[in-house]
């Protein structure tokens, strides 16, 4: 279920403005193409479950507007966050790793 996005209009592939990233990532949990799931809490906690194995990290929006995730003990990544829109409805987010360009499509569950 998607919440927090009432009144937000977006175009498919457009960058999520820094001031909307928190609302976008906390609007619902995500499922990825490989079946992994992820949730982002308003307190900055994120949970990722892959093949039944849960991991927990943190997320934030940096002062320069980049989206960051940190996975203990030392993995940190920065992403460009883009809207995924179908039939004028926001259906998910695309996370593009700023280091290597890899993208991860998360559909709202």
N, C-alpha and C. Protein backbone atom coordinates (compact mmCIF):
# COMPACT_ATOMS: atom_id res chain seq x y z
N UNK A 1 0.84 -1.17 0.00
CA UNK A 1 0.00 0.00 0.00
C UNK A 1 0.89 1.24 0.00
N UNK A 2 0.59 2.17 -0.88
CA UNK A 2 1.38 3.39 -1.01
C UNK A 2 0.67 4.52 -0.28
N UNK A 3 1.41 5.19 0.59
CA UNK A 3 0.87 6.36 1.28
C UNK A 3 1.89 7.49 1.12
N UNK A 4 1.61 8.64 1.65
CA UNK A 4 2.51 9.81 1.63
C UNK A 4 2.64 10.47 0.26
N UNK A 5 2.03 9.95 -0.77
CA UNK A 5 2.25 10.51 -2.10
C UNK A 5 1.00 11.16 -2.69
N UNK A 6 0.00 11.40 -1.87
CA UNK A 6 -1.20 12.08 -2.33
C UNK A 6 -0.83 13.45 -2.89
N UNK A 7 -1.29 13.74 -4.07
CA UNK A 7 -1.04 15.03 -4.68
C UNK A 7 0.30 15.16 -5.38
N UNK A 8 1.15 14.14 -5.30
CA UNK A 8 2.44 14.19 -5.98
C UNK A 8 2.25 13.76 -7.42
N UNK A 9 2.70 14.58 -8.34
CA UNK A 9 2.68 14.19 -9.75
C UNK A 9 4.12 13.95 -10.18
N UNK A 10 4.29 12.94 -11.01
CA UNK A 10 5.64 12.57 -11.43
C UNK A 10 5.61 12.02 -12.84
N UNK A 11 6.74 12.13 -13.51
CA UNK A 11 6.91 11.54 -14.83
C UNK A 11 7.84 10.36 -14.71
N UNK A 12 7.56 9.31 -15.46
CA UNK A 12 8.39 8.13 -15.45
C UNK A 12 9.84 8.49 -15.79
N UNK A 13 10.77 8.06 -14.93
CA UNK A 13 12.19 8.29 -15.17
C UNK A 13 12.72 9.60 -14.65
N UNK A 14 11.85 10.49 -14.18
CA UNK A 14 12.30 11.77 -13.66
C UNK A 14 12.92 11.59 -12.27
N UNK A 15 13.93 12.37 -11.97
CA UNK A 15 14.55 12.32 -10.64
C UNK A 15 13.54 12.77 -9.59
N UNK A 16 13.56 12.09 -8.45
CA UNK A 16 12.74 12.49 -7.32
C UNK A 16 13.44 13.70 -6.69
N UNK A 17 12.76 14.83 -6.56
CA UNK A 17 13.38 15.99 -5.93
C UNK A 17 13.81 15.65 -4.50
N UNK A 18 14.93 16.21 -4.06
CA UNK A 18 15.47 15.91 -2.74
C UNK A 18 14.43 16.06 -1.64
N UNK A 19 13.58 17.08 -1.76
CA UNK A 19 12.59 17.32 -0.71
C UNK A 19 11.46 16.29 -0.72
N UNK A 20 11.37 15.45 -1.75
CA UNK A 20 10.34 14.40 -1.81
C UNK A 20 10.89 13.00 -1.58
N UNK A 21 12.22 12.86 -1.48
CA UNK A 21 12.80 11.52 -1.34
C UNK A 21 12.30 10.80 -0.10
N UNK A 22 12.30 11.46 1.04
CA UNK A 22 11.86 10.81 2.28
C UNK A 22 10.43 10.30 2.15
N UNK A 23 9.53 11.12 1.62
CA UNK A 23 8.14 10.68 1.44
C UNK A 23 8.07 9.52 0.45
N UNK A 24 8.87 9.57 -0.61
CA UNK A 24 8.83 8.52 -1.63
C UNK A 24 9.31 7.18 -1.10
N UNK A 25 10.42 7.17 -0.34
CA UNK A 25 10.94 5.88 0.12
C UNK A 25 10.13 5.30 1.27
N UNK A 26 9.47 6.17 2.05
CA UNK A 26 8.68 5.66 3.18
C UNK A 26 7.21 5.45 2.82
N UNK A 27 6.85 5.66 1.56
CA UNK A 27 5.44 5.55 1.13
C UNK A 27 4.94 4.11 1.14
N UNK A 28 5.83 3.15 1.14
CA UNK A 28 5.42 1.75 1.15
C UNK A 28 6.66 0.88 1.06
N UNK A 29 6.46 -0.42 1.22
CA UNK A 29 7.60 -1.33 1.08
C UNK A 29 7.75 -1.68 -0.39
N UNK A 30 8.93 -2.16 -0.74
CA UNK A 30 9.29 -2.44 -2.13
C UNK A 30 9.57 -3.92 -2.35
N UNK A 31 9.31 -4.35 -3.57
CA UNK A 31 9.75 -5.66 -4.01
C UNK A 31 10.56 -5.46 -5.28
N UNK A 32 11.67 -6.17 -5.36
CA UNK A 32 12.58 -6.06 -6.49
C UNK A 32 12.41 -7.28 -7.41
N UNK A 33 12.96 -7.20 -8.60
CA UNK A 33 12.81 -8.25 -9.60
C UNK A 33 13.26 -9.63 -9.16
N UNK A 34 14.21 -9.69 -8.25
CA UNK A 34 14.71 -10.98 -7.77
C UNK A 34 13.93 -11.51 -6.57
N UNK A 35 12.85 -10.79 -6.19
CA UNK A 35 12.01 -11.22 -5.07
C UNK A 35 12.42 -10.64 -3.73
N UNK A 36 13.55 -9.96 -3.67
CA UNK A 36 13.97 -9.32 -2.42
C UNK A 36 12.98 -8.20 -2.09
N UNK A 37 12.84 -7.92 -0.79
CA UNK A 37 11.95 -6.85 -0.35
C UNK A 37 12.74 -5.86 0.51
N UNK A 38 12.23 -4.64 0.58
CA UNK A 38 12.89 -3.61 1.38
C UNK A 38 11.86 -2.63 1.90
N UNK A 39 12.10 -2.19 3.12
CA UNK A 39 11.27 -1.13 3.69
C UNK A 39 12.19 -0.05 4.25
N UNK A 40 11.69 1.16 4.25
CA UNK A 40 12.40 2.32 4.77
C UNK A 40 11.50 2.97 5.82
N UNK A 41 12.00 3.11 7.03
CA UNK A 41 11.23 3.74 8.09
C UNK A 41 11.59 5.22 8.20
N UNK A 42 10.65 6.01 8.70
CA UNK A 42 10.86 7.45 8.85
C UNK A 42 12.02 7.77 9.78
N UNK A 43 12.37 6.85 10.69
CA UNK A 43 13.48 7.10 11.62
C UNK A 43 14.85 6.85 11.00
N UNK A 44 14.89 6.49 9.70
CA UNK A 44 16.17 6.27 9.02
C UNK A 44 16.63 4.83 8.98
N UNK A 45 15.81 3.91 9.45
CA UNK A 45 16.13 2.49 9.41
C UNK A 45 15.63 1.89 8.10
N UNK A 46 16.40 0.98 7.53
CA UNK A 46 15.95 0.23 6.36
C UNK A 46 16.17 -1.25 6.61
N UNK A 47 15.24 -2.05 6.13
CA UNK A 47 15.33 -3.50 6.25
C UNK A 47 15.23 -4.10 4.86
N UNK A 48 16.17 -5.01 4.57
CA UNK A 48 16.24 -5.67 3.27
C UNK A 48 16.21 -7.16 3.52
N UNK A 49 15.33 -7.87 2.80
CA UNK A 49 15.21 -9.32 2.98
C UNK A 49 15.43 -9.97 1.62
N UNK A 50 16.47 -10.82 1.57
CA UNK A 50 16.82 -11.53 0.34
C UNK A 50 16.94 -13.01 0.68
N UNK A 51 16.19 -13.85 -0.04
CA UNK A 51 16.18 -15.30 0.19
C UNK A 51 15.92 -15.63 1.66
N UNK A 52 15.03 -14.87 2.28
CA UNK A 52 14.66 -15.10 3.66
C UNK A 52 15.64 -14.57 4.69
N UNK A 53 16.74 -13.98 4.24
CA UNK A 53 17.75 -13.44 5.17
C UNK A 53 17.58 -11.93 5.32
N UNK A 54 17.22 -11.49 6.52
CA UNK A 54 17.05 -10.05 6.73
C UNK A 54 18.36 -9.36 7.09
N UNK A 55 18.53 -8.15 6.61
CA UNK A 55 19.64 -7.29 7.02
C UNK A 55 19.05 -5.92 7.34
N UNK A 56 19.73 -5.20 8.20
CA UNK A 56 19.25 -3.88 8.60
C UNK A 56 20.35 -2.85 8.43
N UNK A 57 19.96 -1.71 7.91
CA UNK A 57 20.90 -0.60 7.72
C UNK A 57 20.20 0.71 7.99
N UNK A 58 20.78 1.77 7.50
CA UNK A 58 20.19 3.09 7.66
C UNK A 58 20.17 3.81 6.31
N UNK A 59 19.31 4.80 6.20
CA UNK A 59 19.22 5.60 4.99
C UNK A 59 19.12 7.07 5.41
N UNK A 60 19.48 7.93 4.46
CA UNK A 60 19.35 9.37 4.70
C UNK A 60 19.38 10.11 3.37
N UNK A 61 18.97 11.35 3.44
CA UNK A 61 19.11 12.26 2.31
C UNK A 61 20.21 13.23 2.73
N UNK A 62 21.30 13.23 1.98
CA UNK A 62 22.45 14.06 2.30
C UNK A 62 22.14 15.54 2.03
N UNK A 63 22.95 16.42 2.59
CA UNK A 63 22.76 17.87 2.42
C UNK A 63 22.76 18.27 0.95
N UNK A 64 23.50 17.52 0.11
CA UNK A 64 23.56 17.85 -1.32
C UNK A 64 22.42 17.20 -2.12
N UNK A 65 21.48 16.53 -1.40
CA UNK A 65 20.31 15.94 -2.06
C UNK A 65 20.47 14.51 -2.51
N UNK A 66 21.66 13.92 -2.31
CA UNK A 66 21.85 12.51 -2.68
C UNK A 66 21.20 11.60 -1.65
N UNK A 67 20.68 10.47 -2.13
CA UNK A 67 20.12 9.45 -1.25
C UNK A 67 21.26 8.51 -0.86
N UNK A 68 21.36 8.21 0.41
CA UNK A 68 22.44 7.38 0.92
C UNK A 68 21.87 6.20 1.69
N UNK A 69 22.52 5.04 1.54
CA UNK A 69 22.20 3.92 2.42
C UNK A 69 23.51 3.38 2.98
N UNK A 70 23.46 2.96 4.25
CA UNK A 70 24.62 2.45 4.95
C UNK A 70 24.28 1.08 5.51
N UNK A 71 25.15 0.10 5.23
CA UNK A 71 24.97 -1.27 5.71
C UNK A 71 26.20 -1.63 6.53
N UNK A 72 26.01 -1.81 7.83
CA UNK A 72 27.15 -2.14 8.69
C UNK A 72 27.84 -3.42 8.23
N UNK A 73 29.14 -3.51 8.42
CA UNK A 73 29.91 -2.55 9.21
C UNK A 73 30.44 -1.37 8.41
N UNK A 74 30.53 -1.45 7.06
CA UNK A 74 31.22 -0.35 6.38
C UNK A 74 30.73 -0.04 4.96
N UNK A 75 29.64 -0.64 4.49
CA UNK A 75 29.22 -0.41 3.12
C UNK A 75 28.27 0.79 3.04
N UNK A 76 28.66 1.80 2.28
CA UNK A 76 27.79 2.95 2.05
C UNK A 76 27.68 3.18 0.56
N UNK A 77 26.46 3.46 0.11
CA UNK A 77 26.23 3.72 -1.30
C UNK A 77 25.37 4.97 -1.43
N UNK A 78 25.52 5.63 -2.58
CA UNK A 78 24.74 6.83 -2.88
C UNK A 78 23.99 6.58 -4.18
N UNK A 79 22.74 7.04 -4.21
CA UNK A 79 21.86 6.74 -5.34
C UNK A 79 21.16 7.99 -5.87
N UNK A 80 20.93 7.97 -7.17
CA UNK A 80 19.98 8.86 -7.81
C UNK A 80 18.66 8.11 -7.72
N UNK A 81 17.62 8.75 -7.23
CA UNK A 81 16.31 8.10 -7.08
C UNK A 81 15.38 8.66 -8.14
N UNK A 82 14.77 7.78 -8.92
CA UNK A 82 13.88 8.20 -10.01
C UNK A 82 12.51 7.54 -9.85
N UNK A 83 11.51 8.26 -10.33
CA UNK A 83 10.13 7.76 -10.28
C UNK A 83 9.93 6.65 -11.31
N UNK A 84 9.10 5.70 -10.95
CA UNK A 84 8.57 4.71 -11.90
C UNK A 84 7.07 4.96 -11.96
N UNK A 85 6.59 5.32 -13.14
CA UNK A 85 5.19 5.71 -13.31
C UNK A 85 4.59 4.89 -14.45
N UNK A 86 3.40 4.35 -14.20
CA UNK A 86 2.65 3.64 -15.24
C UNK A 86 1.22 4.16 -15.23
N UNK A 87 0.72 4.53 -16.39
CA UNK A 87 -0.65 5.04 -16.51
C UNK A 87 -0.92 6.18 -15.53
N UNK A 88 0.06 7.10 -15.42
CA UNK A 88 -0.01 8.28 -14.57
C UNK A 88 -0.06 7.96 -13.07
N UNK A 89 0.29 6.74 -12.70
CA UNK A 89 0.30 6.35 -11.29
C UNK A 89 1.73 5.98 -10.89
N UNK A 90 2.18 6.50 -9.75
CA UNK A 90 3.51 6.16 -9.24
C UNK A 90 3.47 4.72 -8.75
N UNK A 91 4.30 3.87 -9.34
CA UNK A 91 4.27 2.44 -8.99
C UNK A 91 5.55 1.98 -8.28
N UNK A 92 6.58 2.83 -8.27
CA UNK A 92 7.81 2.43 -7.62
C UNK A 92 8.91 3.45 -7.80
N UNK A 93 10.11 3.03 -7.41
CA UNK A 93 11.28 3.89 -7.51
C UNK A 93 12.43 3.11 -8.15
N UNK A 94 13.22 3.80 -8.93
CA UNK A 94 14.44 3.24 -9.50
C UNK A 94 15.62 3.88 -8.76
N UNK A 95 16.46 3.04 -8.18
CA UNK A 95 17.64 3.49 -7.47
C UNK A 95 18.84 3.25 -8.38
N UNK A 96 19.56 4.31 -8.73
CA UNK A 96 20.72 4.21 -9.62
C UNK A 96 21.97 4.52 -8.81
N UNK A 97 22.84 3.52 -8.68
CA UNK A 97 24.07 3.65 -7.91
C UNK A 97 24.97 4.68 -8.59
N UNK A 98 25.34 5.72 -7.86
CA UNK A 98 26.15 6.79 -8.43
C UNK A 98 27.59 6.36 -8.67
N UNK A 99 28.00 5.27 -8.07
CA UNK A 99 29.38 4.80 -8.24
C UNK A 99 29.55 4.01 -9.53
N UNK A 100 28.60 3.11 -9.83
CA UNK A 100 28.78 2.22 -10.98
C UNK A 100 27.62 2.22 -11.98
N UNK A 101 26.58 2.98 -11.71
CA UNK A 101 25.46 3.07 -12.64
C UNK A 101 24.46 1.92 -12.58
N UNK A 102 24.69 0.94 -11.70
CA UNK A 102 23.74 -0.17 -11.57
C UNK A 102 22.39 0.38 -11.10
N UNK A 103 21.31 -0.18 -11.64
CA UNK A 103 20.00 0.30 -11.21
C UNK A 103 19.18 -0.84 -10.61
N UNK A 104 18.35 -0.47 -9.66
CA UNK A 104 17.51 -1.41 -8.94
C UNK A 104 16.10 -0.85 -8.94
N UNK A 105 15.16 -1.58 -9.56
CA UNK A 105 13.78 -1.15 -9.65
C UNK A 105 12.98 -1.75 -8.52
N UNK A 106 12.45 -0.89 -7.65
CA UNK A 106 11.61 -1.33 -6.55
C UNK A 106 10.17 -0.93 -6.79
N UNK A 107 9.30 -1.92 -6.87
CA UNK A 107 7.87 -1.66 -7.02
C UNK A 107 7.22 -1.63 -5.66
N UNK A 108 6.34 -0.65 -5.45
CA UNK A 108 5.59 -0.62 -4.19
C UNK A 108 4.74 -1.88 -4.08
N UNK A 109 4.73 -2.47 -2.90
CA UNK A 109 3.91 -3.66 -2.68
C UNK A 109 2.52 -3.26 -2.29
